[in-house]
Protein backbone atom coordinates (compact mmCIF):
# COMPACT_ATOMS: atom_id res chain seq x y z
CA MET A 1 -4.42 9.34 9.51
CA ASP A 2 -1.41 8.33 10.78
CA LYS A 3 2.05 8.04 8.25
CA ARG A 4 1.86 4.46 9.85
CA TYR A 5 -1.01 3.34 8.38
CA ILE A 6 -0.49 4.37 4.56
CA CYS A 7 -0.15 1.70 2.32
CA LEU A 8 3.73 1.48 1.17
CA VAL A 9 3.62 0.77 -2.26
CA CYS A 10 0.64 2.62 -3.07
CA GLY A 11 0.15 5.47 -0.11
CA TYR A 12 -3.25 4.08 0.65
CA ASN A 13 -3.89 5.73 3.69
CA ARG A 14 -6.82 3.39 5.17
CA LEU A 15 -5.34 1.01 5.92
CA GLU A 16 -6.46 -1.16 9.53
CA GLU A 17 -3.09 -2.38 10.75
CA LEU A 18 1.03 -0.64 11.10
CA PRO A 19 2.81 -2.61 7.80
CA TYR A 20 5.23 -3.61 10.38
CA GLY A 21 4.83 -3.88 14.03
CA ILE A 22 8.00 -1.71 16.25
CA ASP A 23 9.29 -5.39 16.42
CA GLY A 24 10.07 -5.87 12.85
CA TYR A 25 7.50 -7.85 11.77
CA PRO A 26 5.04 -7.38 9.64
CA SER A 27 0.98 -7.01 9.37
CA TYR A 28 0.14 -9.84 7.11
CA GLU A 29 -2.43 -7.42 5.97
CA ILE A 30 -3.12 -7.15 2.00
CA CYS A 31 -4.01 -3.47 1.07
CA ALA A 32 -7.43 -2.85 0.01
CA CYS A 33 -6.21 -0.73 -2.98
CA CYS A 34 -3.00 -2.58 -4.11
CA GLY A 35 -3.44 -6.28 -2.68
CA PHE A 36 0.27 -5.44 -1.24
CA GLU A 37 0.43 -8.31 1.56
CA TYR A 38 2.71 -7.88 3.49
CA GLY A 39 5.46 -10.29 4.96
CA TYR A 40 3.86 -12.20 1.90
CA ASP A 41 5.07 -10.16 -1.38
CA ASP A 42 7.43 -8.24 0.25
CA LEU A 43 9.54 -11.07 2.28
CA ASP A 44 7.95 -14.84 0.82
CA ARG A 45 8.20 -13.36 -2.85
CA GLY A 46 11.13 -10.64 -2.83
CA GLU A 47 9.27 -8.04 -4.81
CA SER A 48 9.75 -4.29 -3.66
CA PHE A 49 7.58 -2.19 -3.11
CA LYS A 50 8.29 -0.28 -6.12
CA GLU A 51 8.37 -3.40 -8.42
CA TYR A 52 4.68 -4.08 -6.68
CA ARG A 53 4.20 -0.88 -7.86
CA GLU A 54 4.32 -0.22 -10.94
CA LYS A 55 3.45 -3.60 -12.15
CA TRP A 56 -0.02 -2.46 -9.89
CA LEU A 57 0.27 1.09 -12.22
CA ASN A 58 1.01 -1.06 -15.64
CA ASN A 59 -2.21 -2.60 -15.58
CA GLY A 60 -4.00 -0.42 -15.00
CA ALA A 61 -3.79 0.67 -11.08
CA GLN A 62 -7.33 -1.57 -10.57
CA TRP A 63 -8.40 -1.99 -6.54
CA PHE A 64 -8.36 -5.26 -4.78
CA VAL A 65 -11.05 -4.97 -2.89
CA PRO A 66 -13.42 -2.44 -5.44
CA LYS A 67 -16.31 -1.87 -3.04
CA GLU A 68 -13.70 -0.22 -1.07
CA ARG A 69 -12.93 2.28 -3.49
CA PRO A 70 -13.62 6.06 -1.82
CA ALA A 71 -16.33 7.68 -3.89
CA HIS A 72 -14.13 11.04 -4.62
CA TRP A 73 -9.89 8.71 -5.08
CA ASN A 74 -7.56 9.98 -7.44
CA LEU A 75 -4.44 8.11 -7.90
CA SER A 76 -2.22 10.68 -8.43
CA GLU A 77 -3.37 12.25 -5.46
CA GLN A 78 -2.74 9.03 -3.01
CA LEU A 79 0.64 8.61 -5.21
CA LYS A 80 1.56 11.52 -3.68
CA ASN A 81 1.43 9.68 0.27
CA ILE A 82 4.08 7.42 -0.26
CA THR A 83 5.57 10.54 -0.84
CA LYS A 84 4.70 12.36 2.17
CA TYR A 85 5.65 9.11 4.32
CA GLU A 86 9.13 8.79 2.55
CA SER A 87 9.78 12.19 3.74
CA GLN A 88 9.07 12.13 7.55
């Protein structure tokens, strides 16, 4: 899937919208995996992607919408999507 649809917090690669549009405005989409809401958790609450990620991982990396969890989900592989995104 296109890199623009990757969650910048957890690496989930099935976001329905770009986290931020070309105008810089957030989508306000909530990631089904980690629960991060673009525009709220970062702009209104002031949490960085890294801070939110660490909190999510420390709390067991639970799925926000469990029914959307892929059958063969692999946290380590998913987190690699963040590195791939940042390197391009």
